[in-house]
C-alpha atoms as a PDB file:
ATOM      1  CA  UNK A   1      77.623  77.336 122.521  1.00  0.00           C
ATOM      2  CA  UNK A   2      77.055  79.983 119.840  1.00  0.00           C
ATOM      3  CA  UNK A   3      80.179  81.214 118.108  1.00  0.00           C
ATOM      4  CA  UNK A   4      80.673  84.987 118.438  1.00  0.00           C
ATOM      5  CA  UNK A   5      80.912  86.917 115.159  1.00  0.00           C
ATOM      6  CA  UNK A   6      83.106  90.032 115.177  1.00  0.00           C
ATOM      7  CA  UNK A   7      83.632  92.532 112.353  1.00  0.00           C
ATOM      8  CA  UNK A   8      86.669  94.818 112.323  1.00  0.00           C
ATOM      9  CA  UNK A   9      86.280  97.888 110.134  1.00  0.00           C
ATOM     10  CA  UNK A  10      89.624  99.417 109.198  1.00  0.00           C
ATOM     11  CA  UNK A  11      89.702 100.176 105.512  1.00  0.00           C
ATOM     12  CA  UNK A  12      92.932 102.015 104.838  1.00  0.00           C
ATOM     13  CA  UNK A  13      95.725 103.062 104.557  1.00  0.00           C
ATOM     14  CA  UNK A  14      98.654 100.663 104.840  1.00  0.00           C
ATOM     15  CA  UNK A  15     100.028 102.225 108.012  1.00  0.00           C
ATOM     16  CA  UNK A  16      96.583 102.515 109.604  1.00  0.00           C
ATOM     17  CA  UNK A  17      95.827  98.864 108.912  1.00  0.00           C
ATOM     18  CA  UNK A  18      99.163  97.787 110.380  1.00  0.00           C
ATOM     19  CA  UNK A  19      98.482  99.917 113.460  1.00  0.00           C
ATOM     20  CA  UNK A  20      95.276  97.922 113.993  1.00  0.00           C
ATOM     21  CA  UNK A  21      96.881  94.465 113.816  1.00  0.00           C
ATOM     22  CA  UNK A  22      97.756  94.478 117.560  1.00  0.00           C
ATOM     23  CA  UNK A  23      94.047  95.046 118.249  1.00  0.00           C
ATOM     24  CA  UNK A  24      93.159  92.102 116.027  1.00  0.00           C
ATOM     25  CA  UNK A  25      95.518  89.900 118.019  1.00  0.00           C
ATOM     26  CA  UNK A  26      94.050  91.198 121.274  1.00  0.00           C
ATOM     27  CA  UNK A  27      90.553  90.319 120.054  1.00  0.00           C
ATOM     28  CA  UNK A  28      91.679  86.828 119.081  1.00  0.00           C
ATOM     29  CA  UNK A  29      93.276  86.297 122.494  1.00  0.00           C
ATOM     30  CA  UNK A  30      90.087  87.453 124.251  1.00  0.00           C
ATOM     31  CA  UNK A  31      87.784  85.415 121.976  1.00  0.00           C
ATOM     32  CA  UNK A  32      89.797  82.394 120.783  1.00  0.00           C
ATOM     33  CA  UNK A  33      86.741  80.643 119.294  1.00  0.00           C
ATOM     34  CA  UNK A  34      85.184  83.700 117.649  1.00  0.00           C
ATOM     35  CA  UNK A  35      84.741  84.137 113.915  1.00  0.00           C
ATOM     36  CA  UNK A  36      86.563  87.366 113.181  1.00  0.00           C
ATOM     37  CA  UNK A  37      86.088  89.208 109.879  1.00  0.00           C
ATOM     38  CA  UNK A  38      88.035  92.261 108.679  1.00  0.00           C
ATOM     39  CA  UNK A  39      86.561  94.800 106.235  1.00  0.00           C
ATOM     40  CA  UNK A  40      89.411  96.477 104.320  1.00  0.00           C
ATOM     41  CA  UNK A  41      90.014  98.365 101.109  1.00  0.00           C
ATOM     42  CA  UNK A  42      91.980  96.759  98.313  1.00  0.00           C
ATOM     43  CA  UNK A  43      95.235  98.751  98.648  1.00  0.00           C
ATOM     44  CA  UNK A  44      95.987  97.531 102.174  1.00  0.00           C
ATOM     45  CA  UNK A  45      94.398  94.079 101.946  1.00  0.00           C
ATOM     46  CA  UNK A  46      97.712  92.198 101.586  1.00  0.00           C
ATOM     47  CA  UNK A  47      98.466  92.736 105.269  1.00  0.00           C
ATOM     48  CA  UNK A  48      95.108  91.289 106.304  1.00  0.00           C
ATOM     49  CA  UNK A  49      94.638  88.382 103.898  1.00  0.00           C
ATOM     50  CA  UNK A  50      95.981  85.178 105.392  1.00  0.00           C
ATOM     51  CA  UNK A  51      96.468  86.618 108.881  1.00  0.00           C
ATOM     52  CA  UNK A  52      96.335  83.738 111.326  1.00  0.00           C
ATOM     53  CA  UNK A  53      94.035  85.616 113.714  1.00  0.00           C
ATOM     54  CA  UNK A  54      91.383  86.134 111.007  1.00  0.00           C
ATOM     55  CA  UNK A  55      88.685  83.854 109.651  1.00  0.00           C
ATOM     56  CA  UNK A  56      87.479  86.029 106.818  1.00  0.00           C
ATOM     57  CA  UNK A  57      88.380  89.160 104.852  1.00  0.00           C
ATOM     58  CA  UNK A  58      85.881  91.332 102.974  1.00  0.00           C
ATOM     59  CA  UNK A  59      87.539  93.641 100.439  1.00  0.00           C
ATOM     60  CA  UNK A  60      86.038  96.958  99.382  1.00  0.00           C
ATOM     61  CA  UNK A  61      87.128  98.193  95.952  1.00  0.00           C
ATOM     62  CA  UNK A  62      85.735 101.652  96.629  1.00  0.00           C
ATOM     63  CA  UNK A  63      88.168 103.595  94.461  1.00  0.00           C
ATOM     64  CA  UNK A  64      87.698 101.223  91.533  1.00  0.00           C
ATOM     65  CA  UNK A  65      83.900 101.450  91.821  1.00  0.00           C
ATOM     66  CA  UNK A  66      83.910 105.250  91.970  1.00  0.00           C
ATOM     67  CA  UNK A  67      86.178 105.430  88.935  1.00  0.00           C
ATOM     68  CA  UNK A  68      83.973 102.875  87.183  1.00  0.00           C
ATOM     69  CA  UNK A  69      80.946 105.177  87.409  1.00  0.00           C
ATOM     70  CA  UNK A  70      82.403 107.136  84.496  1.00  0.00           C
ATOM     71  CA  UNK A  71      83.637 104.240  82.387  1.00  0.00           C
ATOM     72  CA  UNK A  72      82.229 101.702  79.941  1.00  0.00           C
ATOM     73  CA  UNK A  73      82.307  99.075  82.697  1.00  0.00           C
ATOM     74  CA  UNK A  74      79.750 100.876  84.876  1.00  0.00           C
ATOM     75  CA  UNK A  75      77.312  97.926  84.892  1.00  0.00           C
ATOM     76  CA  UNK A  76      80.073  95.470  85.786  1.00  0.00           C
ATOM     77  CA  UNK A  77      81.200  97.686  88.650  1.00  0.00           C
ATOM     78  CA  UNK A  78      77.635  98.166  89.874  1.00  0.00           C
ATOM     79  CA  UNK A  79      77.098  94.393  89.896  1.00  0.00           C
ATOM     80  CA  UNK A  80      80.364  93.957  91.821  1.00  0.00           C
ATOM     81  CA  UNK A  81      79.279  96.598  94.331  1.00  0.00           C
ATOM     82  CA  UNK A  82      75.937  94.851  94.885  1.00  0.00           C
ATOM     83  CA  UNK A  83      77.733  91.559  95.533  1.00  0.00           C
ATOM     84  CA  UNK A  84      79.994  93.335  98.012  1.00  0.00           C
ATOM     85  CA  UNK A  85      77.015  94.754  99.916  1.00  0.00           C
ATOM     86  CA  UNK A  86      75.397  91.319  99.910  1.00  0.00           C
ATOM     87  CA  UNK A  87      78.582  89.794 101.351  1.00  0.00           C
ATOM     88  CA  UNK A  88      78.824  92.533 103.966  1.00  0.00           C
ATOM     89  CA  UNK A  89      75.247  91.876 105.091  1.00  0.00           C
ATOM     90  CA  UNK A  90      75.281  88.068 105.008  1.00  0.00           C
ATOM     91  CA  UNK A  91      76.174  87.802 108.696  1.00  0.00           C
ATOM     92  CA  UNK A  92      74.556  89.187 111.860  1.00  0.00           C
ATOM     93  CA  UNK A  93      77.603  90.279 113.861  1.00  0.00           C
ATOM     94  CA  UNK A  94      77.613  90.269 117.637  1.00  0.00           C
ATOM     95  CA  UNK A  95      80.175  93.074 117.651  1.00  0.00           C
ATOM     96  CA  UNK A  96      81.232  95.542 114.936  1.00  0.00           C
ATOM     97  CA  UNK A  97      84.155  97.831 115.770  1.00  0.00           C
ATOM     98  CA  UNK A  98      84.818 100.923 113.684  1.00  0.00           C
ATOM     99  CA  UNK A  99      88.543 101.601 114.096  1.00  0.00           C
ATOM    100  CA  UNK A 100      88.554 104.052 111.151  1.00  0.00           C
ATOM    101  CA  UNK A 101      86.222 106.796 112.471  1.00  0.00           C
ATOM    102  CA  UNK A 102      85.633 108.266 108.996  1.00  0.00           C
ATOM    103  CA  UNK A 103      82.430 108.690 107.020  1.00  0.00           C
ATOM    104  CA  UNK A 104      83.447 105.965 104.560  1.00  0.00           C
ATOM    105  CA  UNK A 105      83.708 103.457 107.405  1.00  0.00           C
ATOM    106  CA  UNK A 106      80.599 104.755 109.144  1.00  0.00           C
ATOM    107  CA  UNK A 107      78.434 104.148 106.079  1.00  0.00           C
ATOM    108  CA  UNK A 108      79.661 100.544 105.871  1.00  0.00           C
ATOM    109  CA  UNK A 109      79.027 100.053 109.598  1.00  0.00           C
ATOM    110  CA  UNK A 110      75.468 101.283 108.955  1.00  0.00           C
ATOM    111  CA  UNK A 111      75.042  98.798 106.100  1.00  0.00           C
ATOM    112  CA  UNK A 112      76.370  95.841 108.106  1.00  0.00           C
ATOM    113  CA  UNK A 113      74.094  93.866 110.412  1.00  0.00           C
ATOM    114  CA  UNK A 114      75.203  93.962 114.025  1.00  0.00           C
ATOM    115  CA  UNK A 115      73.905  93.988 117.593  1.00  0.00           C
ATOM    116  CA  UNK A 116      76.691  96.175 118.940  1.00  0.00           C
ATOM    117  CA  UNK A 117      78.266  98.802 116.700  1.00  0.00           C
ATOM    118  CA  UNK A 118      81.097 100.294 118.692  1.00  0.00           C
ATOM    119  CA  UNK A 119      83.681 103.012 118.178  1.00  0.00           C
ATOM    120  CA  UNK A 120      84.791 106.381 119.446  1.00  0.00           C
ATOM    121  CA  UNK A 121      82.053 108.925 120.062  1.00  0.00           C
ATOM    122  CA  UNK A 122      81.874 112.611 119.217  1.00  0.00           C
ATOM    123  CA  UNK A 123      85.042 114.582 119.838  1.00  0.00           C
ATOM    124  CA  UNK A 124      87.725 112.548 118.086  1.00  0.00           C
ATOM    125  CA  UNK A 125      89.769 114.605 115.634  1.00  0.00           C
ATOM    126  CA  UNK A 126      89.109 113.993 111.903  1.00  0.00           C
ATOM    127  CA  UNK A 127      86.213 111.615 112.571  1.00  0.00           C
ATOM    128  CA  UNK A 128      83.668 113.102 110.097  1.00  0.00           C
ATOM    129  CA  UNK A 129      80.575 112.335 112.254  1.00  0.00           C
ATOM    130  CA  UNK A 130      81.047 108.563 111.847  1.00  0.00           C
ATOM    131  CA  UNK A 131      79.848 108.149 115.444  1.00  0.00           C
ATOM    132  CA  UNK A 132      76.274 108.726 114.232  1.00  0.00           C
ATOM    133  CA  UNK A 133      76.236 105.145 112.903  1.00  0.00           C
ATOM    134  CA  UNK A 134      77.219 103.613 116.259  1.00  0.00           C
ATOM    135  CA  UNK A 135      75.015 102.387 119.082  1.00  0.00           C
ATOM    136  CA  UNK A 136      77.928 102.069 121.503  1.00  0.00           C
ATOM    137  CA  UNK A 137      79.980 105.254 121.626  1.00  0.00           C
ATOM    138  CA  UNK A 138      83.233 105.240 123.555  1.00  0.00           C
ATOM    139  CA  UNK A 139      84.414 108.566 125.039  1.00  0.00           C
ATOM    140  CA  UNK A 140      87.138 110.133 122.850  1.00  0.00           C
ATOM    141  CA  UNK A 141      90.803 109.917 123.807  1.00  0.00           C
ATOM    142  CA  UNK A 142      93.702 112.280 123.173  1.00  0.00           C
ATOM    143  CA  UNK A 143      94.901 112.069 119.554  1.00  0.00           C
ATOM    144  CA  UNK A 144      98.449 112.543 120.827  1.00  0.00           C
ATOM    145  CA  UNK A 145      98.383 108.948 121.978  1.00  0.00           C
ATOM    146  CA  UNK A 146      99.995 106.739 119.358  1.00  0.00           C
ATOM    147  CA  UNK A 147      97.558 105.253 116.822  1.00  0.00           C
ATOM    148  CA  UNK A 148      98.326 101.724 118.049  1.00  0.00           C
ATOM    149  CA  UNK A 149      97.490 102.716 121.612  1.00  0.00           C
ATOM    150  CA  UNK A 150      94.306 104.546 120.586  1.00  0.00           C
ATOM    151  CA  UNK A 151      93.000 101.343 119.008  1.00  0.00           C
ATOM    152  CA  UNK A 152      93.910  99.306 122.085  1.00  0.00           C
ATOM    153  CA  UNK A 153      92.312 101.942 124.325  1.00  0.00           C
ATOM    154  CA  UNK A 154      89.093 101.518 122.340  1.00  0.00           C
ATOM    155  CA  UNK A 155      89.202  97.784 123.011  1.00  0.00           C
ATOM    156  CA  UNK A 156      90.013  98.394 126.668  1.00  0.00           C
ATOM    157  CA  UNK A 157      86.803 100.428 126.974  1.00  0.00           C
ATOM    158  CA  UNK A 158      84.947  97.405 125.567  1.00  0.00           C
ATOM    159  CA  UNK A 159      86.477  95.164 128.244  1.00  0.00           C
ATOM    160  CA  UNK A 160      89.141  93.687 125.975  1.00  0.00           C
ATOM    161  CA  UNK A 161      92.556  94.267 127.513  1.00  0.00           C
ATOM    162  CA  UNK A 162      95.994  93.721 126.017  1.00  0.00           C
ATOM    163  CA  UNK A 163      99.488  94.298 127.349  1.00  0.00           C
ATOM    164  CA  UNK A 164     101.310  93.133 124.217  1.00  0.00           C
ATOM    165  CA  UNK A 165     101.967  94.807 120.867  1.00  0.00           C
ATOM    166  CA  UNK A 166     101.901  91.955 118.361  1.00  0.00           C
ATOM    167  CA  UNK A 167     101.559  92.268 114.577  1.00  0.00           C
ATOM    168  CA  UNK A 168     102.155  88.812 113.043  1.00  0.00           C
ATOM    169  CA  UNK A 169     102.371  90.112 109.484  1.00  0.00           C
ATOM    170  CA  UNK A 170     101.032  87.430 107.104  1.00  0.00           C
ATOM    171  CA  UNK A 171     104.287  86.918 105.195  1.00  0.00           C
ATOM    172  CA  UNK A 172     104.565  83.340 103.978  1.00  0.00           C
ATOM    173  CA  UNK A 173     107.228  80.970 102.718  1.00  0.00           C
ATOM    174  CA  UNK A 174     106.485  81.751  99.072  1.00  0.00           C
ATOM    175  CA  UNK A 175     106.865  85.503  99.732  1.00  0.00           C
ATOM    176  CA  UNK A 176     110.221  84.903 101.424  1.00  0.00           C
ATOM    177  CA  UNK A 177     111.424  82.652  98.592  1.00  0.00           C
ATOM    178  CA  UNK A 178     110.403  85.157  95.899  1.00  0.00           C
ATOM    179  CA  UNK A 179     112.171  87.894  97.837  1.00  0.00           C
ATOM    180  CA  UNK A 180     115.337  85.796  98.164  1.00  0.00           C
ATOM    181  CA  UNK A 181     115.332  85.210  94.398  1.00  0.00           C
ATOM    182  CA  UNK A 182     114.841  88.937  93.777  1.00  0.00           C
ATOM    183  CA  UNK A 183     117.676  89.899  96.120  1.00  0.00           C
ATOM    184  CA  UNK A 184     120.015  87.555  94.242  1.00  0.00           C
ATOM    185  CA  UNK A 185     119.499  89.664  91.115  1.00  0.00           C
ATOM    186  CA  UNK A 186     120.805  92.812  92.845  1.00  0.00           C
ATOM    187  CA  UNK A 187     124.418  91.662  92.887  1.00  0.00           C
ATOM    188  CA  UNK A 188     124.721  92.475  96.576  1.00  0.00           C
ATOM    189  CA  UNK A 189     126.695  90.027  98.667  1.00  0.00           C
ATOM    190  CA  UNK A 190     124.417  89.911 101.710  1.00  0.00           C
ATOM    191  CA  UNK A 191     127.508  89.502 103.900  1.00  0.00           C
ATOM    192  CA  UNK A 192     127.626  93.203 104.822  1.00  0.00           C
ATOM    193  CA  UNK A 193     125.117  95.247 106.817  1.00  0.00           C
ATOM    194  CA  UNK A 194     122.032  95.777 104.662  1.00  0.00           C
ATOM    195  CA  UNK A 195     120.284  99.147 104.856  1.00  0.00           C
ATOM    196  CA  UNK A 196     116.961  99.478 103.077  1.00  0.00           C
ATOM    197  CA  UNK A 197     116.016 103.032 102.129  1.00  0.00           C
ATOM    198  CA  UNK A 198     112.415 103.972 101.313  1.00  0.00           C
ATOM    199  CA  UNK A 199     112.658 107.624 100.204  1.00  0.00           C
ATOM    200  CA  UNK A 200     109.282 108.492  98.670  1.00  0.00           C
ATOM    201  CA  UNK A 201     105.999 109.508 100.290  1.00  0.00           C
ATOM    202  CA  UNK A 202     102.632 110.518  98.819  1.00  0.00           C
ATOM    203  CA  UNK A 203     102.627 113.987 100.387  1.00  0.00           C
ATOM    204  CA  UNK A 204     105.139 116.336  98.771  1.00  0.00           C
ATOM    205  CA  UNK A 205     105.652 117.904 102.218  1.00  0.00           C
ATOM    206  CA  UNK A 206     107.043 114.590 103.498  1.00  0.00           C
ATOM    207  CA  UNK A 207     109.773 114.373 100.860  1.00  0.00           C
ATOM    208  CA  UNK A 208     113.458 114.842 101.669  1.00  0.00           C
ATOM    209  CA  UNK A 209     115.970 116.138  99.111  1.00  0.00           C
ATOM    210  CA  UNK A 210     117.157 113.535  96.570  1.00  0.00           C
ATOM    211  CA  UNK A 211     120.770 114.693  96.769  1.00  0.00           C
ATOM    212  CA  UNK A 212     120.703 114.351 100.546  1.00  0.00           C
ATOM    213  CA  UNK A 213     119.471 110.769 100.171  1.00  0.00           C
ATOM    214  CA  UNK A 214     122.355 110.158  97.738  1.00  0.00           C
ATOM    215  CA  UNK A 215     124.883 111.634 100.173  1.00  0.00           C
ATOM    216  CA  UNK A 216     123.365 109.556 102.973  1.00  0.00           C
ATOM    217  CA  UNK A 217     123.667 106.370 100.912  1.00  0.00           C
ATOM    218  CA  UNK A 218     127.320 107.075 100.104  1.00  0.00           C
ATOM    219  CA  UNK A 219     128.079 107.765 103.778  1.00  0.00           C
ATOM    220  CA  UNK A 220     126.439 104.498 104.843  1.00  0.00           C
ATOM    221  CA  UNK A 221     128.566 102.586 102.338  1.00  0.00           C
ATOM    222  CA  UNK A 222     131.812 104.401 103.175  1.00  0.00           C
ATOM    223  CA  UNK A 223     131.390 104.696 106.968  1.00  0.00           C
ATOM    224  CA  UNK A 224     129.584 101.443 107.780  1.00  0.00           C
ATOM    225  CA  UNK A 225     130.428  99.195 104.838  1.00  0.00           C
ATOM    226  CA  UNK A 226     126.693  98.911 104.216  1.00  0.00           C
ATOM    227  CA  UNK A 227     124.903  97.603 101.166  1.00  0.00           C
ATOM    228  CA  UNK A 228     122.010  99.845 100.121  1.00  0.00           C
ATOM    229  CA  UNK A 229     118.647  98.683  98.810  1.00  0.00           C
ATOM    230  CA  UNK A 230     116.121 101.288  97.696  1.00  0.00           C
ATOM    231  CA  UNK A 231     112.454 100.306  97.862  1.00  0.00           C
ATOM    232  CA  UNK A 232     109.287 101.870  96.558  1.00  0.00           C
ATOM    233  CA  UNK A 233     106.418 101.505  94.123  1.00  0.00           C
ATOM    234  CA  UNK A 234     106.650 101.638  90.330  1.00  0.00           C
ATOM    235  CA  UNK A 235     105.582 105.283  90.528  1.00  0.00           C
ATOM    236  CA  UNK A 236     108.587 105.984  92.763  1.00  0.00           C
ATOM    237  CA  UNK A 237     111.059 104.719  90.156  1.00  0.00           C
ATOM    238  CA  UNK A 238     112.035 108.123  88.657  1.00  0.00           C
ATOM    239  CA  UNK A 239     112.806 109.578  92.094  1.00  0.00           C
ATOM    240  CA  UNK A 240     114.902 106.592  93.156  1.00  0.00           C
ATOM    241  CA  UNK A 241     116.752 106.523  89.822  1.00  0.00           C
ATOM    242  CA  UNK A 242     117.577 110.204  90.332  1.00  0.00           C
ATOM    243  CA  UNK A 243     118.893 109.519  93.846  1.00  0.00           C
ATOM    244  CA  UNK A 244     121.085 106.661  92.632  1.00  0.00           C
ATOM    245  CA  UNK A 245     122.409 108.807  89.752  1.00  0.00           C
ATOM    246  CA  UNK A 246     123.860 111.206  92.333  1.00  0.00           C
ATOM    247  CA  UNK A 247     125.559 108.454  94.341  1.00  0.00           C
ATOM    248  CA  UNK A 248     129.226 107.624  94.008  1.00  0.00           C
ATOM    249  CA  UNK A 249     128.704 104.113  95.357  1.00  0.00           C
ATOM    250  CA  UNK A 250     126.573 101.184  94.277  1.00  0.00           C
ATOM    251  CA  UNK A 251     122.961 100.659  95.342  1.00  0.00           C
ATOM    252  CA  UNK A 252     120.198  98.226  94.400  1.00  0.00           C
ATOM    253  CA  UNK A 253     116.818  99.486  93.203  1.00  0.00           C
ATOM    254  CA  UNK A 254     113.751  97.317  93.941  1.00  0.00           C
ATOM    255  CA  UNK A 255     111.151  99.985  93.174  1.00  0.00           C
ATOM    256  CA  UNK A 256     108.109  98.387  91.575  1.00  0.00           C
ATOM    257  CA  UNK A 257     109.526  94.880  91.898  1.00  0.00           C
ATOM    258  CA  UNK A 258     107.912  93.753  95.156  1.00  0.00           C
ATOM    259  CA  UNK A 259     104.448  92.973  96.419  1.00  0.00           C
ATOM    260  CA  UNK A 260     103.618  94.406  99.834  1.00  0.00           C
ATOM    261  CA  UNK A 261     104.370  91.051 101.452  1.00  0.00           C
ATOM    262  CA  UNK A 262     107.683  90.819  99.589  1.00  0.00           C
ATOM    263  CA  UNK A 263     108.469  94.344 100.768  1.00  0.00           C
ATOM    264  CA  UNK A 264     107.969  93.145 104.342  1.00  0.00           C
ATOM    265  CA  UNK A 265     110.318  90.241 103.617  1.00  0.00           C
ATOM    266  CA  UNK A 266     112.945  92.684 102.267  1.00  0.00           C
ATOM    267  CA  UNK A 267     112.700  94.712 105.469  1.00  0.00           C
ATOM    268  CA  UNK A 268     112.963  91.563 107.589  1.00  0.00           C
ATOM    269  CA  UNK A 269     116.263  90.782 105.851  1.00  0.00           C
ATOM    270  CA  UNK A 270     117.621  94.294 106.418  1.00  0.00           C
ATOM    271  CA  UNK A 271     119.671  95.376 109.410  1.00  0.00           C
ATOM    272  CA  UNK A 272     118.156  98.854 109.279  1.00  0.00           C
ATOM    273  CA  UNK A 273     115.411 100.693 107.372  1.00  0.00           C
ATOM    274  CA  UNK A 274     115.532 104.435 106.674  1.00  0.00           C
ATOM    275  CA  UNK A 275     112.252 105.946 105.524  1.00  0.00           C
ATOM    276  CA  UNK A 276     110.143 109.023 105.175  1.00  0.00           C
ATOM    277  CA  UNK A 277     106.728 109.015 106.875  1.00  0.00           C
ATOM    278  CA  UNK A 278     104.877 106.569 104.653  1.00  0.00           C
ATOM    279  CA  UNK A 279     103.181 103.161 104.692  1.00  0.00           C
ATOM    280  CA  UNK A 280     106.377 101.127 104.169  1.00  0.00           C
ATOM    281  CA  UNK A 281     107.866 102.763 107.278  1.00  0.00           C
ATOM    282  CA  UNK A 282     105.106 101.123 109.331  1.00  0.00           C
ATOM    283  CA  UNK A 283     105.655  97.828 107.498  1.00  0.00           C
ATOM    284  CA  UNK A 284     109.330  97.954 108.483  1.00  0.00           C
ATOM    285  CA  UNK A 285     108.535  98.680 112.138  1.00  0.00           C
ATOM    286  CA  UNK A 286     106.066  95.765 112.189  1.00  0.00           C
ATOM    287  CA  UNK A 287     108.773  93.352 110.985  1.00  0.00           C
ATOM    288  CA  UNK A 288     110.885  94.154 114.038  1.00  0.00           C
ATOM    289  CA  UNK A 289     113.707  95.749 112.030  1.00  0.00           C
ATOM    290  CA  UNK A 290     114.996  99.037 113.495  1.00  0.00           C
ATOM    291  CA  UNK A 291     113.786 102.127 111.651  1.00  0.00           C
ATOM    292  CA  UNK A 292     115.193 105.613 111.270  1.00  0.00           C
ATOM    293  CA  UNK A 293     112.201 107.751 110.251  1.00  0.00           C
ATOM    294  CA  UNK A 294     112.473 111.223 108.727  1.00  0.00           C
ATOM    295  CA  UNK A 295     109.505 113.354 109.844  1.00  0.00           C
ATOM    296  CA  UNK A 296     108.392 116.837 108.834  1.00  0.00           C
ATOM    297  CA  UNK A 297     104.736 117.945 108.788  1.00  0.00           C
ATOM    298  CA  UNK A 298     103.342 115.047 110.832  1.00  0.00           C
ATOM    299  CA  UNK A 299     103.603 113.960 114.465  1.00  0.00           C
ATOM    300  CA  UNK A 300     105.786 110.910 115.172  1.00  0.00           C
ATOM    301  CA  UNK A 301     104.279 110.509 118.650  1.00  0.00           C
ATOM    302  CA  UNK A 302     100.952 109.856 116.897  1.00  0.00           C
ATOM    303  CA  UNK A 303     102.026 107.776 113.906  1.00  0.00           C
ATOM    304  CA  UNK A 304     105.772 107.200 114.079  1.00  0.00           C
ATOM    305  CA  UNK A 305     107.484 103.812 114.235  1.00  0.00           C
ATOM    306  CA  UNK A 306     106.318 102.329 117.526  1.00  0.00           C
ATOM    307  CA  UNK A 307     108.951 101.102 119.976  1.00  0.00           C
ATOM    308  CA  UNK A 308     112.213 102.140 121.632  1.00  0.00           C
ATOM    309  CA  UNK A 309     114.425 100.477 118.998  1.00  0.00           C
ATOM    310  CA  UNK A 310     113.481 103.128 116.425  1.00  0.00           C
ATOM    311  CA  UNK A 311     114.746 106.684 115.948  1.00  0.00           C
ATOM    312  CA  UNK A 312     112.914 109.717 114.544  1.00  0.00           C
ATOM    313  CA  UNK A 313     114.696 112.650 112.910  1.00  0.00           C
ATOM    314  CA  UNK A 314     112.947 116.049 112.929  1.00  0.00           C
ATOM    315  CA  UNK A 315     113.905 119.686 112.419  1.00  0.00           C
ATOM    316  CA  UNK A 316     111.915 120.628 115.577  1.00  0.00           C
ATOM    317  CA  UNK A 317     110.350 123.759 114.073  1.00  0.00           C
ATOM    318  CA  UNK A 318     107.512 125.599 115.821  1.00  0.00           C
ATOM    319  CA  UNK A 319     105.226 125.123 112.806  1.00  0.00           C
ATOM    320  CA  UNK A 320     105.654 121.342 112.863  1.00  0.00           C
ATOM    321  CA  UNK A 321     103.499 119.324 112.990  1.00  0.00           C
ATOM    322  CA  UNK A 322     101.092 121.196 110.702  1.00  0.00           C
ATOM    323  CA  UNK A 323      99.659 118.133 108.868  1.00  0.00           C
ATOM    324  CA  UNK A 324      99.677 120.093 105.592  1.00  0.00           C
ATOM    325  CA  UNK A 325     100.080 118.383 102.222  1.00  0.00           C
ATOM    326  CA  UNK A 326     101.165 121.655 100.624  1.00  0.00           C
ATOM    327  CA  UNK A 327     103.659 124.209 101.928  1.00  0.00           C
ATOM    328  CA  UNK A 328     105.616 127.069 100.363  1.00  0.00           C
ATOM    329  CA  UNK A 329     108.791 126.395 102.320  1.00  0.00           C
ATOM    330  CA  UNK A 330     108.743 122.801 103.672  1.00  0.00           C
ATOM    331  CA  UNK A 331     111.508 123.917 106.050  1.00  0.00           C
ATOM    332  CA  UNK A 332     110.587 121.071 108.401  1.00  0.00           C
ATOM    333  CA  UNK A 333     112.092 118.654 105.838  1.00  0.00           C
ATOM    334  CA  UNK A 334     114.589 120.989 104.159  1.00  0.00           C
ATOM    335  CA  UNK A 335     116.319 121.781 107.462  1.00  0.00           C
ATOM    336  CA  UNK A 336     117.055 118.119 108.258  1.00  0.00           C
ATOM    337  CA  UNK A 337     120.727 117.441 107.546  1.00  0.00           C
ATOM    338  CA  UNK A 338     122.467 114.262 106.434  1.00  0.00           C
ATOM    339  CA  UNK A 339     124.494 114.382 109.652  1.00  0.00           C
ATOM    340  CA  UNK A 340     121.310 114.305 111.723  1.00  0.00           C
ATOM    341  CA  UNK A 341     120.156 111.147 109.969  1.00  0.00           C
ATOM    342  CA  UNK A 342     123.606 109.571 110.337  1.00  0.00           C
ATOM    343  CA  UNK A 343     123.525 110.359 114.083  1.00  0.00           C
ATOM    344  CA  UNK A 344     120.188 108.556 114.330  1.00  0.00           C
ATOM    345  CA  UNK A 345     121.652 105.600 112.410  1.00  0.00           C
ATOM    346  CA  UNK A 346     124.541 105.491 114.885  1.00  0.00           C
ATOM    347  CA  UNK A 347     122.121 105.603 117.826  1.00  0.00           C
ATOM    348  CA  UNK A 348     120.087 102.689 116.403  1.00  0.00           C
ATOM    349  CA  UNK A 349     123.202 100.604 115.839  1.00  0.00           C
ATOM    350  CA  UNK A 350     124.331 101.306 119.416  1.00  0.00           C
ATOM    351  CA  UNK A 351     120.952 100.121 120.722  1.00  0.00           C
ATOM    352  CA  UNK A 352     121.301  96.947 118.637  1.00  0.00           C
ATOM    353  CA  UNK A 353     124.839  96.392 119.895  1.00  0.00           C
ATOM    354  CA  UNK A 354     123.789  96.671 123.547  1.00  0.00           C
ATOM    355  CA  UNK A 355     120.664  94.494 123.125  1.00  0.00           C
END
């Protein structure tokens, strides 16, 4: 019997890739003997590489190649791009699913060889006409469904049903051991409740005030006896250092010290994660650790932490969600108080206690 070849196209970003992992697991359950390949961009590839439901990962270095067009390494990048296209086209797929619905994914779907090229048809918000590259167009669904559910609804329309939300992040023993060694350097005891705080986001409209984060950290230490671990990228270091400088209590700073898989391991060790709306928030939710998410310009019912164990804090303004990266007031974030976040923390801990 011929083995079915399936190509998943979900390129970025970290949260979007994590939202598609339940669909990967649903595909594997439906086709246990299939060869499943995932096409992903470099930044989010850590959460795909080594996944037990995958046979193969093809990595697009799109941003590197674009940047390389104007550098001395243009020939090297061009050669790398040609090899990528060759790898993409080396298999005739029985089914290609475009979960991204953007032009960048549509072009790659067009380049790939496949009998069925499936995805949402015309009418999906933000889709950039990617449906033109499909030969199997699924009627659009309401964007106010959560991103995880929208992906599963796409599969459902293809006859692939799933009742379970399962991520199975590919975090391995070596990632856990490296994380344990890193945590030992923080000086934290590990015997108290551990709260991981991820305060930075790429959009300036998603940022909460540094002094409020400092006050929140102090309250968690004083009211709950918590130990605080700040997480983020190397670029986030100045912001996190500023937050810690305003704290009266001790906190660990792991910004720039973890890989994405180690970050997942940090969150797995935590009792609670507090985060702005950013990729690491979705990582935390996928580990099964309760999340308190601080939302402003975006819609948590679309892309918030999925599941009843999590809490979302919003200012509930009429202008939110606006999905704007720039704003003159950012009242949707400015109006969120420390007490509101602490109330959400208390609600999460009560849920945990009753579970």
